[in-house]
PDB file of N, CA and C in Angstrom:
ATOM      1  N   MET A   1      27.073 -63.529 -39.778  1.00  0.00           N
ATOM      2  CA  MET A   1      26.534 -64.609 -40.578  1.00  0.00           C
ATOM      3  C   MET A   1      25.430 -64.063 -41.481  1.00  0.00           C
ATOM      4  N   SER A   2      25.203 -64.720 -42.570  1.00  0.00           N
ATOM      5  CA  SER A   2      24.220 -64.309 -43.564  1.00  0.00           C
ATOM      6  C   SER A   2      22.797 -64.586 -43.099  1.00  0.00           C
ATOM      7  N   LYS A   3      21.860 -63.829 -43.661  1.00  0.00           N
ATOM      8  CA  LYS A   3      20.438 -64.069 -43.414  1.00  0.00           C
ATOM      9  C   LYS A   3      19.980 -65.162 -44.378  1.00  0.00           C
ATOM     10  N   VAL A   4      19.402 -66.238 -43.829  1.00  0.00           N
ATOM     11  CA  VAL A   4      18.966 -67.364 -44.643  1.00  0.00           C
ATOM     12  C   VAL A   4      17.461 -67.535 -44.461  1.00  0.00           C
ATOM     13  N   GLU A   5      16.753 -67.702 -45.582  1.00  0.00           N
ATOM     14  CA  GLU A   5      15.317 -67.934 -45.585  1.00  0.00           C
ATOM     15  C   GLU A   5      15.033 -69.164 -46.434  1.00  0.00           C
ATOM     16  N   ILE A   6      14.091 -69.976 -45.973  1.00  0.00           N
ATOM     17  CA  ILE A   6      13.732 -71.172 -46.720  1.00  0.00           C
ATOM     18  C   ILE A   6      12.212 -71.310 -46.743  1.00  0.00           C
ATOM     19  N   TYR A   7      11.679 -71.453 -47.940  1.00  0.00           N
ATOM     20  CA  TYR A   7      10.262 -71.750 -48.131  1.00  0.00           C
ATOM     21  C   TYR A   7      10.157 -73.259 -48.223  1.00  0.00           C
ATOM     22  N   SER A   8       9.261 -73.840 -47.427  1.00  0.00           N
ATOM     23  CA  SER A   8       9.210 -75.294 -47.349  1.00  0.00           C
ATOM     24  C   SER A   8       7.786 -75.800 -47.154  1.00  0.00           C
ATOM     25  N   SER A   9       7.689 -77.128 -47.200  1.00  0.00           N
ATOM     26  CA  SER A   9       6.436 -77.829 -46.945  1.00  0.00           C
ATOM     27  C   SER A   9       6.729 -78.969 -45.980  1.00  0.00           C
ATOM     28  N   GLU A  10       5.819 -79.237 -45.099  1.00  0.00           N
ATOM     29  CA  GLU A  10       5.999 -80.273 -44.075  1.00  0.00           C
ATOM     30  C   GLU A  10       6.257 -81.656 -44.678  1.00  0.00           C
ATOM     31  N   LEU A  11       5.665 -81.941 -45.837  1.00  0.00           N
ATOM     32  CA  LEU A  11       5.764 -83.274 -46.434  1.00  0.00           C
ATOM     33  C   LEU A  11       6.875 -83.409 -47.473  1.00  0.00           C
ATOM     34  N   CYS A  12       7.725 -82.422 -47.568  1.00  0.00           N
ATOM     35  CA  CYS A  12       8.762 -82.382 -48.600  1.00  0.00           C
ATOM     36  C   CYS A  12      10.088 -82.927 -48.070  1.00  0.00           C
ATOM     37  N   GLY A  13      10.522 -84.065 -48.605  1.00  0.00           N
ATOM     38  CA  GLY A  13      11.790 -84.655 -48.197  1.00  0.00           C
ATOM     39  C   GLY A  13      12.993 -83.788 -48.520  1.00  0.00           C
ATOM     40  N   PHE A  14      12.939 -83.089 -49.651  1.00  0.00           N
ATOM     41  CA  PHE A  14      14.047 -82.204 -50.021  1.00  0.00           C
ATOM     42  C   PHE A  14      14.126 -81.014 -49.068  1.00  0.00           C
ATOM     43  N   CYS A  15      12.983 -80.574 -48.563  1.00  0.00           N
ATOM     44  CA  CYS A  15      12.962 -79.487 -47.577  1.00  0.00           C
ATOM     45  C   CYS A  15      13.650 -79.938 -46.295  1.00  0.00           C
ATOM     46  N   TRP A  16      13.311 -81.137 -45.834  1.00  0.00           N
ATOM     47  CA  TRP A  16      13.939 -81.681 -44.629  1.00  0.00           C
ATOM     48  C   TRP A  16      15.447 -81.831 -44.829  1.00  0.00           C
ATOM     49  N   ALA A  17      15.854 -82.277 -46.007  1.00  0.00           N
ATOM     50  CA  ALA A  17      17.284 -82.447 -46.291  1.00  0.00           C
ATOM     51  C   ALA A  17      18.005 -81.100 -46.294  1.00  0.00           C
ATOM     52  N   ALA A  18      17.385 -80.086 -46.882  1.00  0.00           N
ATOM     53  CA  ALA A  18      17.992 -78.754 -46.921  1.00  0.00           C
ATOM     54  C   ALA A  18      18.140 -78.195 -45.503  1.00  0.00           C
ATOM     55  N   LYS A  19      17.102 -78.351 -44.700  1.00  0.00           N
ATOM     56  CA  LYS A  19      17.160 -77.851 -43.322  1.00  0.00           C
ATOM     57  C   LYS A  19      18.191 -78.623 -42.510  1.00  0.00           C
ATOM     58  N   ARG A  20      18.308 -79.922 -42.740  1.00  0.00           N
ATOM     59  CA  ARG A  20      19.314 -80.725 -42.041  1.00  0.00           C
ATOM     60  C   ARG A  20      20.729 -80.255 -42.412  1.00  0.00           C
ATOM     61  N   LEU A  21      20.956 -79.970 -43.688  1.00  0.00           N
ATOM     62  CA  LEU A  21      22.262 -79.468 -44.122  1.00  0.00           C
ATOM     63  C   LEU A  21      22.579 -78.155 -43.404  1.00  0.00           C
ATOM     64  N   LEU A  22      21.606 -77.246 -43.362  1.00  0.00           N
ATOM     65  CA  LEU A  22      21.816 -75.965 -42.692  1.00  0.00           C
ATOM     66  C   LEU A  22      21.969 -76.139 -41.186  1.00  0.00           C
ATOM     67  N   ASP A  23      21.159 -77.010 -40.598  1.00  0.00           N
ATOM     68  CA  ASP A  23      21.265 -77.279 -39.157  1.00  0.00           C
ATOM     69  C   ASP A  23      22.642 -77.832 -38.798  1.00  0.00           C
ATOM     70  N   ASN A  24      23.174 -78.726 -39.626  1.00  0.00           N
ATOM     71  CA  ASN A  24      24.495 -79.302 -39.369  1.00  0.00           C
ATOM     72  C   ASN A  24      25.583 -78.246 -39.385  1.00  0.00           C
ATOM     73  N   LYS A  25      25.348 -77.163 -40.103  1.00  0.00           N
ATOM     74  CA  LYS A  25      26.295 -76.059 -40.146  1.00  0.00           C
ATOM     75  C   LYS A  25      26.011 -75.023 -39.059  1.00  0.00           C
ATOM     76  N   LYS A  26      24.987 -75.297 -38.246  1.00  0.00           N
ATOM     77  CA  LYS A  26      24.571 -74.384 -37.171  1.00  0.00           C
ATOM     78  C   LYS A  26      24.106 -73.038 -37.729  1.00  0.00           C
ATOM     79  N   VAL A  27      23.491 -73.081 -38.911  1.00  0.00           N
ATOM     80  CA  VAL A  27      22.969 -71.874 -39.553  1.00  0.00           C
ATOM     81  C   VAL A  27      21.556 -71.611 -39.044  1.00  0.00           C
ATOM     82  N   VAL A  28      21.323 -70.402 -38.600  1.00  0.00           N
ATOM     83  CA  VAL A  28      19.985 -69.984 -38.195  1.00  0.00           C
ATOM     84  C   VAL A  28      19.267 -69.510 -39.451  1.00  0.00           C
ATOM     85  N   TYR A  29      18.027 -69.959 -39.625  1.00  0.00           N
ATOM     86  CA  TYR A  29      17.271 -69.567 -40.812  1.00  0.00           C
ATOM     87  C   TYR A  29      15.822 -69.306 -40.444  1.00  0.00           C
ATOM     88  N   GLU A  30      15.183 -68.481 -41.277  1.00  0.00           N
ATOM     89  CA  GLU A  30      13.749 -68.253 -41.155  1.00  0.00           C
ATOM     90  C   GLU A  30      13.065 -69.207 -42.118  1.00  0.00           C
ATOM     91  N   GLU A  31      12.068 -69.905 -41.608  1.00  0.00           N
ATOM     92  CA  GLU A  31      11.341 -70.862 -42.436  1.00  0.00           C
ATOM     93  C   GLU A  31       9.923 -70.374 -42.657  1.00  0.00           C
ATOM     94  N   TYR A  32       9.495 -70.457 -43.912  1.00  0.00           N
ATOM     95  CA  TYR A  32       8.140 -70.073 -44.279  1.00  0.00           C
ATOM     96  C   TYR A  32       7.449 -71.288 -44.881  1.00  0.00           C
ATOM     97  N   SER A  33       6.413 -71.743 -44.217  1.00  0.00           N
ATOM     98  CA  SER A  33       5.663 -72.893 -44.716  1.00  0.00           C
ATOM     99  C   SER A  33       4.674 -72.446 -45.787  1.00  0.00           C
ATOM    100  N   VAL A  34       4.686 -73.152 -46.904  1.00  0.00           N
ATOM    101  CA  VAL A  34       3.735 -72.851 -47.979  1.00  0.00           C
ATOM    102  C   VAL A  34       2.477 -73.709 -47.852  1.00  0.00           C
ATOM    103  N   ASP A  35       2.454 -74.623 -46.877  1.00  0.00           N
ATOM    104  CA  ASP A  35       1.308 -75.509 -46.687  1.00  0.00           C
ATOM    105  C   ASP A  35       0.056 -74.701 -46.367  1.00  0.00           C
ATOM    106  N   MET A  36      -0.932 -74.822 -47.232  1.00  0.00           N
ATOM    107  CA  MET A  36      -2.240 -74.192 -47.022  1.00  0.00           C
ATOM    108  C   MET A  36      -2.159 -72.666 -46.879  1.00  0.00           C
ATOM    109  N   GLN A  37      -1.108 -72.063 -47.402  1.00  0.00           N
ATOM    110  CA  GLN A  37      -0.927 -70.618 -47.294  1.00  0.00           C
ATOM    111  C   GLN A  37      -0.622 -70.049 -48.681  1.00  0.00           C
ATOM    112  N   ARG A  38      -1.661 -69.728 -49.407  1.00  0.00           N
ATOM    113  CA  ARG A  38      -1.503 -69.245 -50.778  1.00  0.00           C
ATOM    114  C   ARG A  38      -0.661 -67.979 -50.860  1.00  0.00           C
ATOM    115  N   ASP A  39      -0.830 -67.082 -49.898  1.00  0.00           N
ATOM    116  CA  ASP A  39      -0.075 -65.830 -49.941  1.00  0.00           C
ATOM    117  C   ASP A  39       1.426 -66.081 -49.794  1.00  0.00           C
ATOM    118  N   VAL A  40       1.800 -67.024 -48.938  1.00  0.00           N
ATOM    119  CA  VAL A  40       3.217 -67.355 -48.755  1.00  0.00           C
ATOM    120  C   VAL A  40       3.759 -68.035 -50.004  1.00  0.00           C
ATOM    121  N   LYS A  41       2.988 -68.945 -50.592  1.00  0.00           N
ATOM    122  CA  LYS A  41       3.434 -69.621 -51.817  1.00  0.00           C
ATOM    123  C   LYS A  41       3.568 -68.612 -52.955  1.00  0.00           C
ATOM    124  N   HIS A  42       2.631 -67.690 -53.062  1.00  0.00           N
ATOM    125  CA  HIS A  42       2.693 -66.656 -54.105  1.00  0.00           C
ATOM    126  C   HIS A  42       3.944 -65.789 -53.920  1.00  0.00           C
ATOM    127  N   GLU A  43       4.233 -65.424 -52.678  1.00  0.00           N
ATOM    128  CA  GLU A  43       5.434 -64.639 -52.383  1.00  0.00           C
ATOM    129  C   GLU A  43       6.687 -65.405 -52.814  1.00  0.00           C
ATOM    130  N   MET A  44       6.735 -66.711 -52.506  1.00  0.00           N
ATOM    131  CA  MET A  44       7.873 -67.545 -52.880  1.00  0.00           C
ATOM    132  C   MET A  44       8.049 -67.571 -54.397  1.00  0.00           C
ATOM    133  N   ILE A  45       6.947 -67.762 -55.109  1.00  0.00           N
ATOM    134  CA  ILE A  45       6.997 -67.826 -56.573  1.00  0.00           C
ATOM    135  C   ILE A  45       7.518 -66.518 -57.145  1.00  0.00           C
ATOM    136  N   GLU A  46       7.045 -65.405 -56.621  1.00  0.00           N
ATOM    137  CA  GLU A  46       7.520 -64.098 -57.101  1.00  0.00           C
ATOM    138  C   GLU A  46       9.000 -63.904 -56.808  1.00  0.00           C
ATOM    139  N   ARG A  47       9.418 -64.204 -55.594  1.00  0.00           N
ATOM    140  CA  ARG A  47      10.811 -63.983 -55.194  1.00  0.00           C
ATOM    141  C   ARG A  47      11.775 -64.898 -55.942  1.00  0.00           C
ATOM    142  N   SER A  48      11.306 -66.097 -56.298  1.00  0.00           N
ATOM    143  CA  SER A  48      12.201 -67.084 -56.914  1.00  0.00           C
ATOM    144  C   SER A  48      12.175 -67.037 -58.442  1.00  0.00           C
ATOM    145  N   GLY A  49      11.508 -66.064 -58.997  1.00  0.00           N
ATOM    146  CA  GLY A  49      11.476 -65.945 -60.455  1.00  0.00           C
ATOM    147  C   GLY A  49      10.573 -66.959 -61.127  1.00  0.00           C
ATOM    148  N   GLY A  50       9.536 -67.398 -60.418  1.00  0.00           N
ATOM    149  CA  GLY A  50       8.566 -68.297 -61.016  1.00  0.00           C
ATOM    150  C   GLY A  50       8.656 -69.749 -60.595  1.00  0.00           C
ATOM    151  N   ARG A  51       9.605 -70.087 -59.775  1.00  0.00           N
ATOM    152  CA  ARG A  51       9.722 -71.481 -59.321  1.00  0.00           C
ATOM    153  C   ARG A  51       8.581 -71.810 -58.361  1.00  0.00           C
ATOM    154  N   THR A  52       7.986 -72.977 -58.568  1.00  0.00           N
ATOM    155  CA  THR A  52       6.832 -73.370 -57.760  1.00  0.00           C
ATOM    156  C   THR A  52       7.122 -74.530 -56.811  1.00  0.00           C
ATOM    157  N   SER A  53       8.284 -75.145 -56.933  1.00  0.00           N
ATOM    158  CA  SER A  53       8.624 -76.282 -56.072  1.00  0.00           C
ATOM    159  C   SER A  53       9.314 -75.797 -54.797  1.00  0.00           C
ATOM    160  N   VAL A  54       9.258 -76.628 -53.782  1.00  0.00           N
ATOM    161  CA  VAL A  54       9.963 -76.336 -52.540  1.00  0.00           C
ATOM    162  C   VAL A  54      11.057 -77.374 -52.340  1.00  0.00           C
ATOM    163  N   PRO A  55      12.110 -77.036 -51.643  1.00  0.00           N
ATOM    164  CA  PRO A  55      12.336 -75.759 -50.994  1.00  0.00           C
ATOM    165  C   PRO A  55      12.861 -74.709 -51.977  1.00  0.00           C
ATOM    166  N   GLN A  56      12.668 -73.467 -51.622  1.00  0.00           N
ATOM    167  CA  GLN A  56      13.320 -72.354 -52.292  1.00  0.00           C
ATOM    168  C   GLN A  56      14.087 -71.620 -51.203  1.00  0.00           C
ATOM    169  N   ILE A  57      15.367 -71.390 -51.462  1.00  0.00           N
ATOM    170  CA  ILE A  57      16.268 -70.886 -50.432  1.00  0.00           C
ATOM    171  C   ILE A  57      16.866 -69.558 -50.872  1.00  0.00           C
ATOM    172  N   PHE A  58      16.943 -68.635 -49.914  1.00  0.00           N
ATOM    173  CA  PHE A  58      17.496 -67.310 -50.140  1.00  0.00           C
ATOM    174  C   PHE A  58      18.579 -67.054 -49.108  1.00  0.00           C
ATOM    175  N   ILE A  59      19.698 -66.528 -49.572  1.00  0.00           N
ATOM    176  CA  ILE A  59      20.781 -66.132 -48.682  1.00  0.00           C
ATOM    177  C   ILE A  59      21.030 -64.650 -48.919  1.00  0.00           C
ATOM    178  N   ASP A  60      20.889 -63.878 -47.848  1.00  0.00           N
ATOM    179  CA  ASP A  60      21.003 -62.419 -47.936  1.00  0.00           C
ATOM    180  C   ASP A  60      20.123 -61.852 -49.043  1.00  0.00           C
ATOM    181  N   ASN A  61      18.888 -62.336 -49.079  1.00  0.00           N
ATOM    182  CA  ASN A  61      17.866 -61.870 -50.017  1.00  0.00           C
ATOM    183  C   ASN A  61      18.175 -62.233 -51.472  1.00  0.00           C
ATOM    184  N   HIS A  62      19.142 -63.107 -51.683  1.00  0.00           N
ATOM    185  CA  HIS A  62      19.505 -63.560 -53.029  1.00  0.00           C
ATOM    186  C   HIS A  62      19.023 -65.002 -53.189  1.00  0.00           C
ATOM    187  N   HIS A  63      18.265 -65.265 -54.231  1.00  0.00           N
ATOM    188  CA  HIS A  63      17.746 -66.607 -54.473  1.00  0.00           C
ATOM    189  C   HIS A  63      18.879 -67.525 -54.908  1.00  0.00           C
ATOM    190  N   VAL A  64      19.093 -68.610 -54.153  1.00  0.00           N
ATOM    191  CA  VAL A  64      20.143 -69.562 -54.506  1.00  0.00           C
ATOM    192  C   VAL A  64      19.575 -70.870 -55.038  1.00  0.00           C
ATOM    193  N   GLY A  65      18.246 -71.046 -54.980  1.00  0.00           N
ATOM    194  CA  GLY A  65      17.626 -72.241 -55.551  1.00  0.00           C
ATOM    195  C   GLY A  65      17.084 -73.174 -54.495  1.00  0.00           C
ATOM    196  N   GLY A  66      17.090 -74.451 -54.837  1.00  0.00           N
ATOM    197  CA  GLY A  66      16.544 -75.475 -53.955  1.00  0.00           C
ATOM    198  C   GLY A  66      17.615 -76.354 -53.358  1.00  0.00           C
ATOM    199  N   PHE A  67      17.210 -77.533 -52.915  1.00  0.00           N
ATOM    200  CA  PHE A  67      18.145 -78.438 -52.260  1.00  0.00           C
ATOM    201  C   PHE A  67      19.280 -78.868 -53.183  1.00  0.00           C
ATOM    202  N   ASP A  68      18.971 -79.205 -54.428  1.00  0.00           N
ATOM    203  CA  ASP A  68      20.033 -79.609 -55.361  1.00  0.00           C
ATOM    204  C   ASP A  68      21.075 -78.504 -55.504  1.00  0.00           C
ATOM    205  N   ASP A  69      20.612 -77.272 -55.531  1.00  0.00           N
ATOM    206  CA  ASP A  69      21.524 -76.136 -55.715  1.00  0.00           C
ATOM    207  C   ASP A  69      22.437 -75.943 -54.505  1.00  0.00           C
ATOM    208  N   ILE A  70      21.859 -75.999 -53.286  1.00  0.00           N
ATOM    209  CA  ILE A  70      22.742 -75.809 -52.131  1.00  0.00           C
ATOM    210  C   ILE A  70      23.622 -77.035 -51.893  1.00  0.00           C
ATOM    211  N   SER A  71      23.160 -78.204 -52.317  1.00  0.00           N
ATOM    212  CA  SER A  71      24.006 -79.403 -52.232  1.00  0.00           C
ATOM    213  C   SER A  71      25.226 -79.255 -53.128  1.00  0.00           C
ATOM    214  N   GLU A  72      25.011 -78.747 -54.321  1.00  0.00           N
ATOM    215  CA  GLU A  72      26.129 -78.505 -55.248  1.00  0.00           C
ATOM    216  C   GLU A  72      27.064 -77.443 -54.682  1.00  0.00           C
ATOM    217  N   MET A  73      26.489 -76.388 -54.104  1.00  0.00           N
ATOM    218  CA  MET A  73      27.312 -75.354 -53.479  1.00  0.00           C
ATOM    219  C   MET A  73      28.136 -75.950 -52.337  1.00  0.00           C
ATOM    220  N   GLU A  74      27.539 -76.835 -51.571  1.00  0.00           N
ATOM    221  CA  GLU A  74      28.250 -77.490 -50.475  1.00  0.00           C
ATOM    222  C   GLU A  74      29.378 -78.358 -51.019  1.00  0.00           C
ATOM    223  N   ARG A  75      29.089 -79.109 -52.070  1.00  0.00           N
ATOM    224  CA  ARG A  75      30.085 -80.006 -52.664  1.00  0.00           C
ATOM    225  C   ARG A  75      31.304 -79.242 -53.172  1.00  0.00           C
ATOM    226  N   THR A  76      31.079 -78.051 -53.704  1.00  0.00           N
ATOM    227  CA  THR A  76      32.169 -77.265 -54.280  1.00  0.00           C
ATOM    228  C   THR A  76      32.782 -76.264 -53.307  1.00  0.00           C
ATOM    229  N   GLY A  77      32.272 -76.232 -52.059  1.00  0.00           N
ATOM    230  CA  GLY A  77      32.824 -75.319 -51.063  1.00  0.00           C
ATOM    231  C   GLY A  77      32.273 -73.911 -51.115  1.00  0.00           C
ATOM    232  N   LYS A  78      31.330 -73.663 -51.997  1.00  0.00           N
ATOM    233  CA  LYS A  78      30.794 -72.310 -52.158  1.00  0.00           C
ATOM    234  C   LYS A  78      29.730 -71.953 -51.128  1.00  0.00           C
ATOM    235  N   LEU A  79      29.111 -72.964 -50.510  1.00  0.00           N
ATOM    236  CA  LEU A  79      28.041 -72.675 -49.558  1.00  0.00           C
ATOM    237  C   LEU A  79      28.586 -71.967 -48.321  1.00  0.00           C
ATOM    238  N   ASP A  80      29.674 -72.442 -47.769  1.00  0.00           N
ATOM    239  CA  ASP A  80      30.257 -71.788 -46.595  1.00  0.00           C
ATOM    240  C   ASP A  80      30.647 -70.350 -46.895  1.00  0.00           C
ATOM    241  N   ILE A  81      31.151 -70.114 -48.089  1.00  0.00           N
ATOM    242  CA  ILE A  81      31.529 -68.756 -48.482  1.00  0.00           C
ATOM    243  C   ILE A  81      30.283 -67.876 -48.542  1.00  0.00           C
ATOM    244  N   LYS A  82      29.246 -68.363 -49.201  1.00  0.00           N
ATOM    245  CA  LYS A  82      27.998 -67.609 -49.347  1.00  0.00           C
ATOM    246  C   LYS A  82      27.349 -67.342 -47.987  1.00  0.00           C
ATOM    247  N   LEU A  83      27.473 -68.302 -47.071  1.00  0.00           N
ATOM    248  CA  LEU A  83      26.883 -68.152 -45.742  1.00  0.00           C
ATOM    249  C   LEU A  83      27.725 -67.294 -44.802  1.00  0.00           C
ATOM    250  N   GLY A  84      28.918 -66.929 -45.234  1.00  0.00           N
ATOM    251  CA  GLY A  84      29.797 -66.142 -44.384  1.00  0.00           C
ATOM    252  C   GLY A  84      30.507 -66.984 -43.335  1.00  0.00           C
ATOM    253  N   LEU A  85      30.636 -68.284 -43.591  1.00  0.00           N
ATOM    254  CA  LEU A  85      31.308 -69.182 -42.659  1.00  0.00           C
ATOM    255  C   LEU A  85      32.775 -69.403 -43.029  1.00  0.00           C
ATOM    256  N   SER A  86      33.226 -68.700 -44.037  1.00  0.00           N
ATOM    257  CA  SER A  86      34.597 -68.854 -44.528  1.00  0.00           C
ATOM    258  C   SER A  86      35.191 -67.473 -44.765  1.00  0.00           C
ATOM    259  N   ASP A  87      36.499 -67.387 -44.658  1.00  0.00           N
ATOM    260  CA  ASP A  87      37.188 -66.122 -44.941  1.00  0.00           C
ATOM    261  C   ASP A  87      37.351 -65.883 -46.435  1.00  0.00           C
ATOM    262  N   LEU A  88      37.126 -66.921 -47.232  1.00  0.00           N
ATOM    263  CA  LEU A  88      37.258 -66.794 -48.678  1.00  0.00           C
ATOM    264  C   LEU A  88      36.077 -65.998 -49.255  1.00  0.00           C
ATOM    265  N   LYS A  89      36.242 -65.490 -50.443  1.00  0.00           N
ATOM    266  CA  LYS A  89      35.199 -64.731 -51.148  1.00  0.00           C
ATOM    267  C   LYS A  89      34.870 -65.419 -52.452  1.00  0.00           C
ATOM    268  N   LEU A  90      33.607 -65.310 -52.872  1.00  0.00           N
ATOM    269  CA  LEU A  90      33.197 -65.851 -54.177  1.00  0.00           C
ATOM    270  C   LEU A  90      33.675 -64.953 -55.284  1.00  0.00           C
TER     271      LEU A  90
END
């Protein structure tokens, strides 16, 4: 399975939705809270190419975006492929 990382905030509804989507797929992920942690938020901004909103999600060290992005990937069947949950290839 792929390595999944998510930068999030406790008060972010989109963060909770993204984690719920991943949890429903039984995906294990590393979560980094940006709440009151400037160094973590700065790292997220650098890794995501300047994005400052949460969540920011990475699969195998590749930035895939936020909740809207993984929702679209899920809708089109690309999320399972990216996560290594499918035999198909992108």
